[in-house]
Amino acid sequence: MYEEVLAKRKRRKENQQKMTKGAVVICSDNTRHANQVTPGRTYLILDEQKEQLNIRINDDRGKTIWIPKAHFELISET
């Protein structure tokens, strides 16, 4: 069971590294971002901040925002 948790963390980290400009992600969590993103909706990554683990997207209000990569799952790479 512990091995499964470690494998999941590793996959998550690898996917976050692939979240670069042009990739498509799906919102998996909108904690504290309920007015900005919708779970299950896809977003195009406009830019990234590697050090802060943030991506820039156009949110549900039509605004361009920086938001943590942790709230998303990778759908397709660039």
PDB file of N, CA and C in Angstrom:
ATOM      1  N   MET A   1       0.815  -1.171   0.000  1.00  0.00           N
ATOM      2  CA  MET A   1       0.000   0.000   0.000  1.00  0.00           C
ATOM      3  C   MET A   1       0.877   1.259   0.000  1.00  0.00           C
ATOM      4  N   TYR A   2       1.936   1.271   0.803  1.00  0.00           N
ATOM      5  CA  TYR A   2       2.844   2.404   0.845  1.00  0.00           C
ATOM      6  C   TYR A   2       3.518   2.592  -0.518  1.00  0.00           C
ATOM      7  N   GLU A   3       3.820   1.487  -1.185  1.00  0.00           N
ATOM      8  CA  GLU A   3       4.435   1.553  -2.507  1.00  0.00           C
ATOM      9  C   GLU A   3       3.502   2.224  -3.515  1.00  0.00           C
ATOM     10  N   GLU A   4       2.201   1.972  -3.374  1.00  0.00           N
ATOM     11  CA  GLU A   4       1.218   2.597  -4.256  1.00  0.00           C
ATOM     12  C   GLU A   4       1.193   4.111  -4.054  1.00  0.00           C
ATOM     13  N   VAL A   5       1.273   4.543  -2.824  1.00  0.00           N
ATOM     14  CA  VAL A   5       1.288   5.976  -2.508  1.00  0.00           C
ATOM     15  C   VAL A   5       2.534   6.616  -3.114  1.00  0.00           C
ATOM     16  N   LEU A   6       3.681   5.965  -2.945  1.00  0.00           N
ATOM     17  CA  LEU A   6       4.922   6.495  -3.514  1.00  0.00           C
ATOM     18  C   LEU A   6       4.863   6.552  -5.033  1.00  0.00           C
ATOM     19  N   ALA A   7       4.314   5.533  -5.659  1.00  0.00           N
ATOM     20  CA  ALA A   7       4.201   5.504  -7.117  1.00  0.00           C
ATOM     21  C   ALA A   7       3.275   6.619  -7.608  1.00  0.00           C
ATOM     22  N   LYS A   8       2.181   6.850  -6.884  1.00  0.00           N
ATOM     23  CA  LYS A   8       1.245   7.912  -7.250  1.00  0.00           C
ATOM     24  C   LYS A   8       1.911   9.280  -7.139  1.00  0.00           C
ATOM     25  N   ARG A   9       2.659   9.499  -6.074  1.00  0.00           N
ATOM     26  CA  ARG A   9       3.379  10.763  -5.893  1.00  0.00           C
ATOM     27  C   ARG A   9       4.392  10.985  -7.018  1.00  0.00           C
ATOM     28  N   LYS A  10       5.088   9.912  -7.381  1.00  0.00           N
ATOM     29  CA  LYS A  10       6.084  10.004  -8.450  1.00  0.00           C
ATOM     30  C   LYS A  10       5.422  10.372  -9.770  1.00  0.00           C
ATOM     31  N   ARG A  11       4.304   9.716 -10.101  1.00  0.00           N
ATOM     32  CA  ARG A  11       3.576  10.024 -11.342  1.00  0.00           C
ATOM     33  C   ARG A  11       3.083  11.466 -11.335  1.00  0.00           C
ATOM     34  N   ARG A  12       2.577  11.906 -10.195  1.00  0.00           N
ATOM     35  CA  ARG A  12       2.067  13.280 -10.061  1.00  0.00           C
ATOM     36  C   ARG A  12       3.186  14.290 -10.307  1.00  0.00           C
ATOM     37  N   LYS A  13       4.346  14.047  -9.719  1.00  0.00           N
ATOM     38  CA  LYS A  13       5.486  14.947  -9.884  1.00  0.00           C
ATOM     39  C   LYS A  13       5.948  14.970 -11.347  1.00  0.00           C
ATOM     40  N   GLU A  14       6.000  13.812 -11.972  1.00  0.00           N
ATOM     41  CA  GLU A  14       6.399  13.734 -13.375  1.00  0.00           C
ATOM     42  C   GLU A  14       5.407  14.484 -14.262  1.00  0.00           C
ATOM     43  N   ASN A  15       4.109  14.331 -13.981  1.00  0.00           N
ATOM     44  CA  ASN A  15       3.088  15.031 -14.762  1.00  0.00           C
ATOM     45  C   ASN A  15       3.181  16.541 -14.562  1.00  0.00           C
ATOM     46  N   GLN A  16       3.475  16.986 -13.356  1.00  0.00           N
ATOM     47  CA  GLN A  16       3.608  18.418 -13.110  1.00  0.00           C
ATOM     48  C   GLN A  16       4.782  18.997 -13.883  1.00  0.00           C
ATOM     49  N   GLN A  17       5.839  18.229 -14.049  1.00  0.00           N
ATOM     50  CA  GLN A  17       6.986  18.688 -14.830  1.00  0.00           C
ATOM     51  C   GLN A  17       6.629  18.830 -16.310  1.00  0.00           C
ATOM     52  N   LYS A  18       5.651  18.064 -16.768  1.00  0.00           N
ATOM     53  CA  LYS A  18       5.213  18.129 -18.163  1.00  0.00           C
ATOM     54  C   LYS A  18       4.174  19.220 -18.404  1.00  0.00           C
ATOM     55  N   MET A  19       3.710  19.871 -17.332  1.00  0.00           N
ATOM     56  CA  MET A  19       2.725  20.950 -17.454  1.00  0.00           C
ATOM     57  C   MET A  19       3.447  22.226 -17.876  1.00  0.00           C
ATOM     58  N   THR A  20       3.664  22.339 -19.175  1.00  0.00           N
ATOM     59  CA  THR A  20       4.370  23.479 -19.734  1.00  0.00           C
ATOM     60  C   THR A  20       3.470  24.211 -20.719  1.00  0.00           C
ATOM     61  N   LYS A  21       3.944  25.336 -21.201  1.00  0.00           N
ATOM     62  CA  LYS A  21       3.186  26.152 -22.149  1.00  0.00           C
ATOM     63  C   LYS A  21       2.679  25.297 -23.311  1.00  0.00           C
ATOM     64  N   GLY A  22       1.379  25.391 -23.573  1.00  0.00           N
ATOM     65  CA  GLY A  22       0.767  24.660 -24.671  1.00  0.00           C
ATOM     66  C   GLY A  22       0.113  23.352 -24.281  1.00  0.00           C
ATOM     67  N   ALA A  23       0.414  22.854 -23.093  1.00  0.00           N
ATOM     68  CA  ALA A  23      -0.200  21.605 -22.628  1.00  0.00           C
ATOM     69  C   ALA A  23      -1.652  21.868 -22.215  1.00  0.00           C
ATOM     70  N   VAL A  24      -2.435  20.795 -22.197  1.00  0.00           N
ATOM     71  CA  VAL A  24      -3.835  20.887 -21.766  1.00  0.00           C
ATOM     72  C   VAL A  24      -3.965  20.134 -20.451  1.00  0.00           C
ATOM     73  N   VAL A  25      -4.638  20.774 -19.489  1.00  0.00           N
ATOM     74  CA  VAL A  25      -4.845  20.180 -18.172  1.00  0.00           C
ATOM     75  C   VAL A  25      -6.330  20.180 -17.842  1.00  0.00           C
ATOM     76  N   ILE A  26      -6.706  19.308 -16.913  1.00  0.00           N
ATOM     77  CA  ILE A  26      -8.082  19.263 -16.437  1.00  0.00           C
ATOM     78  C   ILE A  26      -8.071  19.593 -14.946  1.00  0.00           C
ATOM     79  N   CYS A  27      -9.017  20.401 -14.531  1.00  0.00           N
ATOM     80  CA  CYS A  27      -9.109  20.795 -13.126  1.00  0.00           C
ATOM     81  C   CYS A  27      -9.585  19.605 -12.300  1.00  0.00           C
ATOM     82  N   SER A  28      -8.809  19.275 -11.288  1.00  0.00           N
ATOM     83  CA  SER A  28      -9.186  18.171 -10.409  1.00  0.00           C
ATOM     84  C   SER A  28      -9.526  18.660  -9.008  1.00  0.00           C
ATOM     85  N   ASP A  29      -9.270  19.951  -8.727  1.00  0.00           N
ATOM     86  CA  ASP A  29      -9.493  20.490  -7.389  1.00  0.00           C
ATOM     87  C   ASP A  29      -9.611  22.005  -7.493  1.00  0.00           C
ATOM     88  N   ASN A  30     -10.642  22.578  -6.888  1.00  0.00           N
ATOM     89  CA  ASN A  30     -10.779  24.035  -6.948  1.00  0.00           C
ATOM     90  C   ASN A  30     -10.810  24.654  -5.550  1.00  0.00           C
ATOM     91  N   THR A  31     -10.146  24.013  -4.606  1.00  0.00           N
ATOM     92  CA  THR A  31     -10.081  24.544  -3.257  1.00  0.00           C
ATOM     93  C   THR A  31      -9.590  25.986  -3.304  1.00  0.00           C
ATOM     94  N   ARG A  32     -10.342  26.879  -2.746  1.00  0.00           N
ATOM     95  CA  ARG A  32     -10.058  28.301  -2.684  1.00  0.00           C
ATOM     96  C   ARG A  32     -10.049  28.977  -4.056  1.00  0.00           C
ATOM     97  N   HIS A  33     -10.455  28.284  -5.090  1.00  0.00           N
ATOM     98  CA  HIS A  33     -10.504  28.875  -6.421  1.00  0.00           C
ATOM     99  C   HIS A  33     -11.866  28.633  -7.082  1.00  0.00           C
ATOM    100  N   ALA A  34     -12.906  28.520  -6.276  1.00  0.00           N
ATOM    101  CA  ALA A  34     -14.235  28.147  -6.766  1.00  0.00           C
ATOM    102  C   ALA A  34     -14.783  29.100  -7.818  1.00  0.00           C
ATOM    103  N   ASN A  35     -14.463  30.364  -7.758  1.00  0.00           N
ATOM    104  CA  ASN A  35     -14.968  31.322  -8.739  1.00  0.00           C
ATOM    105  C   ASN A  35     -14.083  31.418  -9.973  1.00  0.00           C
ATOM    106  N   GLN A  36     -12.965  30.688  -9.971  1.00  0.00           N
ATOM    107  CA  GLN A  36     -12.008  30.806 -11.056  1.00  0.00           C
ATOM    108  C   GLN A  36     -11.939  29.591 -11.966  1.00  0.00           C
ATOM    109  N   VAL A  37     -11.996  28.400 -11.385  1.00  0.00           N
ATOM    110  CA  VAL A  37     -11.886  27.163 -12.173  1.00  0.00           C
ATOM    111  C   VAL A  37     -12.982  26.179 -11.772  1.00  0.00           C
ATOM    112  N   THR A  38     -13.322  25.291 -12.698  1.00  0.00           N
ATOM    113  CA  THR A  38     -14.379  24.314 -12.479  1.00  0.00           C
ATOM    114  C   THR A  38     -13.807  22.902 -12.566  1.00  0.00           C
ATOM    115  N   PRO A  39     -14.017  22.063 -11.547  1.00  0.00           N
ATOM    116  CA  PRO A  39     -13.551  20.672 -11.633  1.00  0.00           C
ATOM    117  C   PRO A  39     -14.111  19.984 -12.871  1.00  0.00           C
ATOM    118  N   GLY A  40     -13.251  19.254 -13.563  1.00  0.00           N
ATOM    119  CA  GLY A  40     -13.657  18.545 -14.766  1.00  0.00           C
ATOM    120  C   GLY A  40     -13.509  19.348 -16.056  1.00  0.00           C
ATOM    121  N   ARG A  41     -13.255  20.629 -15.955  1.00  0.00           N
ATOM    122  CA  ARG A  41     -13.078  21.467 -17.143  1.00  0.00           C
ATOM    123  C   ARG A  41     -11.604  21.477 -17.555  1.00  0.00           C
ATOM    124  N   THR A  42     -11.361  21.548 -18.861  1.00  0.00           N
ATOM    125  CA  THR A  42      -9.990  21.576 -19.358  1.00  0.00           C
ATOM    126  C   THR A  42      -9.540  23.009 -19.617  1.00  0.00           C
ATOM    127  N   TYR A  43      -8.239  23.215 -19.476  1.00  0.00           N
ATOM    128  CA  TYR A  43      -7.627  24.527 -19.653  1.00  0.00           C
ATOM    129  C   TYR A  43      -6.317  24.387 -20.411  1.00  0.00           C
ATOM    130  N   LEU A  44      -6.011  25.373 -21.238  1.00  0.00           N
ATOM    131  CA  LEU A  44      -4.757  25.434 -21.973  1.00  0.00           C
ATOM    132  C   LEU A  44      -3.761  26.225 -21.136  1.00  0.00           C
ATOM    133  N   ILE A  45      -2.563  25.691 -20.985  1.00  0.00           N
ATOM    134  CA  ILE A  45      -1.531  26.393 -20.231  1.00  0.00           C
ATOM    135  C   ILE A  45      -0.897  27.449 -21.126  1.00  0.00           C
ATOM    136  N   LEU A  46      -0.942  28.693 -20.675  1.00  0.00           N
ATOM    137  CA  LEU A  46      -0.380  29.813 -21.420  1.00  0.00           C
ATOM    138  C   LEU A  46       1.087  30.044 -21.072  1.00  0.00           C
ATOM    139  N   ASP A  47       1.470  29.699 -19.852  1.00  0.00           N
ATOM    140  CA  ASP A  47       2.834  29.886 -19.372  1.00  0.00           C
ATOM    141  C   ASP A  47       2.990  29.128 -18.068  1.00  0.00           C
ATOM    142  N   GLU A  48       4.219  29.014 -17.574  1.00  0.00           N
ATOM    143  CA  GLU A  48       4.447  28.330 -16.303  1.00  0.00           C
ATOM    144  C   GLU A  48       5.525  29.025 -15.495  1.00  0.00           C
ATOM    145  N   GLN A  49       5.471  28.835 -14.191  1.00  0.00           N
ATOM    146  CA  GLN A  49       6.513  29.248 -13.265  1.00  0.00           C
ATOM    147  C   GLN A  49       7.044  27.977 -12.627  1.00  0.00           C
ATOM    148  N   LYS A  50       8.179  27.476 -13.121  1.00  0.00           N
ATOM    149  CA  LYS A  50       8.697  26.192 -12.648  1.00  0.00           C
ATOM    150  C   LYS A  50       9.023  26.205 -11.159  1.00  0.00           C
ATOM    151  N   GLU A  51       9.663  27.264 -10.694  1.00  0.00           N
ATOM    152  CA  GLU A  51      10.088  27.315  -9.299  1.00  0.00           C
ATOM    153  C   GLU A  51       8.899  27.323  -8.338  1.00  0.00           C
ATOM    154  N   GLN A  52       7.836  28.027  -8.698  1.00  0.00           N
ATOM    155  CA  GLN A  52       6.675  28.136  -7.818  1.00  0.00           C
ATOM    156  C   GLN A  52       5.613  27.079  -8.098  1.00  0.00           C
ATOM    157  N   LEU A  53       5.825  26.255  -9.118  1.00  0.00           N
ATOM    158  CA  LEU A  53       4.876  25.219  -9.528  1.00  0.00           C
ATOM    159  C   LEU A  53       3.500  25.804  -9.851  1.00  0.00           C
ATOM    160  N   ASN A  54       3.494  26.918 -10.582  1.00  0.00           N
ATOM    161  CA  ASN A  54       2.258  27.565 -11.011  1.00  0.00           C
ATOM    162  C   ASN A  54       2.142  27.528 -12.522  1.00  0.00           C
ATOM    163  N   ILE A  55       0.896  27.578 -12.996  1.00  0.00           N
ATOM    164  CA  ILE A  55       0.633  27.724 -14.420  1.00  0.00           C
ATOM    165  C   ILE A  55      -0.263  28.932 -14.626  1.00  0.00           C
ATOM    166  N   ARG A  56      -0.198  29.499 -15.820  1.00  0.00           N
ATOM    167  CA  ARG A  56      -1.057  30.633 -16.167  1.00  0.00           C
ATOM    168  C   ARG A  56      -2.094  30.134 -17.160  1.00  0.00           C
ATOM    169  N   ILE A  57      -3.365  30.395 -16.856  1.00  0.00           N
ATOM    170  CA  ILE A  57      -4.481  29.966 -17.696  1.00  0.00           C
ATOM    171  C   ILE A  57      -5.490  31.096 -17.809  1.00  0.00           C
ATOM    172  N   ASN A  58      -6.404  30.959 -18.762  1.00  0.00           N
ATOM    173  CA  ASN A  58      -7.589  31.815 -18.792  1.00  0.00           C
ATOM    174  C   ASN A  58      -8.638  31.115 -17.956  1.00  0.00           C
ATOM    175  N   ASP A  59      -9.102  31.782 -16.895  1.00  0.00           N
ATOM    176  CA  ASP A  59     -10.049  31.142 -15.985  1.00  0.00           C
ATOM    177  C   ASP A  59     -11.484  31.240 -16.502  1.00  0.00           C
ATOM    178  N   ASP A  60     -12.432  30.778 -15.694  1.00  0.00           N
ATOM    179  CA  ASP A  60     -13.847  30.735 -16.088  1.00  0.00           C
ATOM    180  C   ASP A  60     -14.457  32.122 -16.260  1.00  0.00           C
ATOM    181  N   ARG A  61     -13.808  33.138 -15.702  1.00  0.00           N
ATOM    182  CA  ARG A  61     -14.308  34.509 -15.820  1.00  0.00           C
ATOM    183  C   ARG A  61     -13.694  35.240 -17.008  1.00  0.00           C
ATOM    184  N   GLY A  62     -12.800  34.545 -17.739  1.00  0.00           N
ATOM    185  CA  GLY A  62     -12.132  35.166 -18.866  1.00  0.00           C
ATOM    186  C   GLY A  62     -10.893  35.952 -18.488  1.00  0.00           C
ATOM    187  N   LYS A  63     -10.441  35.796 -17.249  1.00  0.00           N
ATOM    188  CA  LYS A  63      -9.242  36.483 -16.794  1.00  0.00           C
ATOM    189  C   LYS A  63      -8.050  35.539 -16.856  1.00  0.00           C
ATOM    190  N   THR A  64      -6.873  36.104 -17.089  1.00  0.00           N
ATOM    191  CA  THR A  64      -5.646  35.323 -17.094  1.00  0.00           C
ATOM    192  C   THR A  64      -5.090  35.329 -15.677  1.00  0.00           C
ATOM    193  N   ILE A  65      -4.890  34.127 -15.116  1.00  0.00           N
ATOM    194  CA  ILE A  65      -4.448  34.002 -13.722  1.00  0.00           C
ATOM    195  C   ILE A  65      -3.300  32.998 -13.604  1.00  0.00           C
ATOM    196  N   TRP A  66      -2.546  33.148 -12.526  1.00  0.00           N
ATOM    197  CA  TRP A  66      -1.571  32.135 -12.113  1.00  0.00           C
ATOM    198  C   TRP A  66      -2.250  31.272 -11.061  1.00  0.00           C
ATOM    199  N   ILE A  67      -2.077  29.969 -11.161  1.00  0.00           N
ATOM    200  CA  ILE A  67      -2.741  29.039 -10.247  1.00  0.00           C
ATOM    201  C   ILE A  67      -1.834  27.820 -10.038  1.00  0.00           C
ATOM    202  N   PRO A  68      -1.875  27.187  -8.867  1.00  0.00           N
ATOM    203  CA  PRO A  68      -0.992  26.046  -8.598  1.00  0.00           C
ATOM    204  C   PRO A  68      -1.254  24.847  -9.523  1.00  0.00           C
ATOM    205  N   LYS A  69      -0.174  24.232  -9.961  1.00  0.00           N
ATOM    206  CA  LYS A  69      -0.269  23.026 -10.788  1.00  0.00           C
ATOM    207  C   LYS A  69      -0.981  21.895 -10.050  1.00  0.00           C
ATOM    208  N   ALA A  70      -0.895  21.902  -8.728  1.00  0.00           N
ATOM    209  CA  ALA A  70      -1.478  20.826  -7.915  1.00  0.00           C
ATOM    210  C   ALA A  70      -2.985  20.697  -8.093  1.00  0.00           C
ATOM    211  N   HIS A  71      -3.636  21.715  -8.633  1.00  0.00           N
ATOM    212  CA  HIS A  71      -5.081  21.669  -8.828  1.00  0.00           C
ATOM    213  C   HIS A  71      -5.485  21.003 -10.142  1.00  0.00           C
ATOM    214  N   PHE A  72      -4.500  20.506 -10.897  1.00  0.00           N
ATOM    215  CA  PHE A  72      -4.774  20.003 -12.239  1.00  0.00           C
ATOM    216  C   PHE A  72      -4.111  18.661 -12.498  1.00  0.00           C
ATOM    217  N   GLU A  73      -4.664  17.968 -13.488  1.00  0.00           N
ATOM    218  CA  GLU A  73      -4.081  16.726 -14.010  1.00  0.00           C
ATOM    219  C   GLU A  73      -3.733  16.979 -15.471  1.00  0.00           C
ATOM    220  N   LEU A  74      -2.636  16.430 -15.942  1.00  0.00           N
ATOM    221  CA  LEU A  74      -2.204  16.592 -17.318  1.00  0.00           C
ATOM    222  C   LEU A  74      -3.072  15.765 -18.262  1.00  0.00           C
ATOM    223  N   ILE A  75      -3.558  16.389 -19.328  1.00  0.00           N
ATOM    224  CA  ILE A  75      -4.355  15.696 -20.334  1.00  0.00           C
ATOM    225  C   ILE A  75      -3.490  15.399 -21.562  1.00  0.00           C
ATOM    226  N   SER A  76      -2.833  16.451 -22.080  1.00  0.00           N
ATOM    227  CA  SER A  76      -1.950  16.258 -23.226  1.00  0.00           C
ATOM    228  C   SER A  76      -0.765  17.206 -23.132  1.00  0.00           C
ATOM    229  N   GLU A  77       0.383  16.723 -23.566  1.00  0.00           N
ATOM    230  CA  GLU A  77       1.610  17.518 -23.547  1.00  0.00           C
ATOM    231  C   GLU A  77       1.684  18.387 -24.796  1.00  0.00           C
ATOM    232  N   THR A  78       2.638  19.306 -24.761  1.00  0.00           N
ATOM    233  CA  THR A  78       2.846  20.174 -25.932  1.00  0.00           C
ATOM    234  C   THR A  78       3.526  19.425 -27.038  1.00  0.00           C
TER     235      THR A  78
END
